[in-house]
Protein backbone atom coordinates (compact mmCIF):
# COMPACT_ATOMS: atom_id res chain seq x y z
CA MET A 1 -77.34 -22.45 -21.09
CA LYS A 2 -75.07 -20.73 -23.55
CA THR A 3 -77.42 -17.75 -23.82
CA THR A 4 -77.11 -17.02 -20.09
CA HIS A 5 -73.33 -17.33 -20.30
CA PHE A 6 -73.22 -14.88 -23.21
CA LEU A 7 -75.51 -12.50 -21.36
CA LYS A 8 -73.31 -12.59 -18.23
CA VAL A 9 -70.19 -11.87 -20.26
CA PHE A 10 -71.95 -9.06 -22.12
CA LEU A 11 -73.20 -7.47 -18.90
CA LEU A 12 -69.72 -7.80 -17.39
CA LEU A 13 -68.21 -5.95 -20.35
CA ILE A 14 -70.82 -3.21 -20.06
CA VAL A 15 -70.05 -2.80 -16.36
CA LEU A 16 -66.30 -2.75 -17.00
CA VAL A 17 -66.62 0.00 -19.61
CA ALA A 18 -68.94 2.02 -17.39
CA VAL A 19 -66.70 1.74 -14.34
CA THR A 20 -63.44 2.50 -16.17
CA SER A 21 -65.04 5.71 -17.33
CA CYS A 22 -64.98 6.92 -13.72
CA ALA A 23 -61.19 6.75 -13.48
CA PRO A 24 -59.32 10.12 -13.38
CA ASP A 25 -58.38 11.68 -16.66
CA GLY A 26 -55.41 13.93 -17.53
CA VAL A 27 -54.22 16.95 -15.61
CA ASN A 28 -56.75 19.68 -14.91
CA ASP A 29 -57.17 22.47 -12.39
CA LYS A 30 -59.44 20.45 -10.07
CA VAL A 31 -57.81 19.28 -6.86
CA TYR A 32 -58.87 15.79 -5.80
CA GLY A 33 -59.26 15.10 -2.07
CA PHE A 34 -60.08 12.24 0.25
CA PHE A 35 -63.45 11.17 -1.20
CA TYR A 36 -62.18 11.25 -4.76
CA GLY A 37 -59.33 9.08 -3.53
CA VAL A 38 -61.83 6.58 -2.20
CA TRP A 39 -63.70 6.59 -5.52
CA HIS A 40 -60.49 6.25 -7.59
CA GLY A 41 -59.36 3.37 -5.33
CA ILE A 42 -62.64 1.57 -5.95
CA CYS A 43 -62.19 2.10 -9.72
CA LEU A 44 -58.55 0.94 -9.73
CA PRO A 45 -59.06 -2.72 -10.64
CA PHE A 46 -61.27 -1.69 -13.55
CA ALA A 47 -58.93 1.05 -14.65
CA VAL A 48 -56.07 -1.51 -14.76
CA ILE A 49 -58.17 -3.66 -17.05
CA GLY A 50 -58.73 -0.60 -19.23
CA LYS A 51 -54.98 0.02 -19.32
CA ILE A 52 -54.37 -3.59 -20.38
CA PHE A 53 -56.59 -2.97 -23.39
CA LYS A 54 -54.72 0.25 -24.21
CA MET A 55 -57.56 2.57 -23.20
CA ASP A 56 -56.64 6.11 -22.19
CA VAL A 57 -57.57 5.65 -18.54
CA GLY A 58 -55.96 7.27 -15.53
CA ILE A 59 -54.90 5.12 -12.59
CA TYR A 60 -54.81 8.01 -10.13
CA ALA A 61 -55.33 11.78 -10.12
CA ILE A 62 -52.10 13.67 -10.54
CA ASN A 63 -53.48 16.89 -9.05
CA ASN A 64 -54.42 15.58 -5.56
CA THR A 65 -54.26 16.83 -2.02
CA GLY A 66 -51.48 14.46 -0.99
CA ALA A 67 -51.71 12.19 2.01
CA TRP A 68 -55.50 12.43 2.40
CA TYR A 69 -56.04 11.50 -1.24
CA TRP A 70 -53.74 8.48 -0.90
CA ILE A 71 -55.41 7.36 2.36
CA GLY A 72 -58.78 7.52 0.59
CA TYR A 73 -57.28 5.71 -2.37
CA LEU A 74 -56.07 2.89 -0.16
CA ILE A 75 -59.41 2.65 1.62
CA GLY A 76 -61.24 2.53 -1.73
CA PHE A 77 -58.91 -0.21 -3.00
CA LEU A 78 -59.37 -2.19 0.21
CA ILE A 79 -63.13 -1.98 -0.13
CA ILE A 80 -62.88 -3.81 -3.44
CA GLY A 81 -60.04 -6.15 -2.35
CA GLY A 82 -61.71 -6.98 0.95
CA THR A 83 -65.01 -7.79 -0.72
CA VAL A 84 -63.27 -10.18 -3.15
CA ALA A 85 -61.25 -11.81 -0.35
CA ALA A 86 -64.38 -12.26 1.78
CA LYS A 87 -66.23 -13.97 -1.09
CA LYS A 88 -63.36 -16.41 -1.64
CA ARG A 89 -63.43 -17.54 2.02
CA ARG A 90 -67.03 -18.76 1.82
């Protein structure tokens, strides 16, 4: 029983590290648009966990296209938030 619990925690940590690596990093010349906003919104909960542990993880891309990036960001975040809320209702 304890082995499966340890395995679940270990796999969760691996997934968290992998997903936080997809968060935006520093300022560069690349301009991030709508679809990057969706991706960064999906990564947001994991990036926040990375920030809590003092990792150098970006929460959003500074060099973005403006409204379309933020709309995508919101949609991406709602994809994760809506999935969690739907699972709690069951």
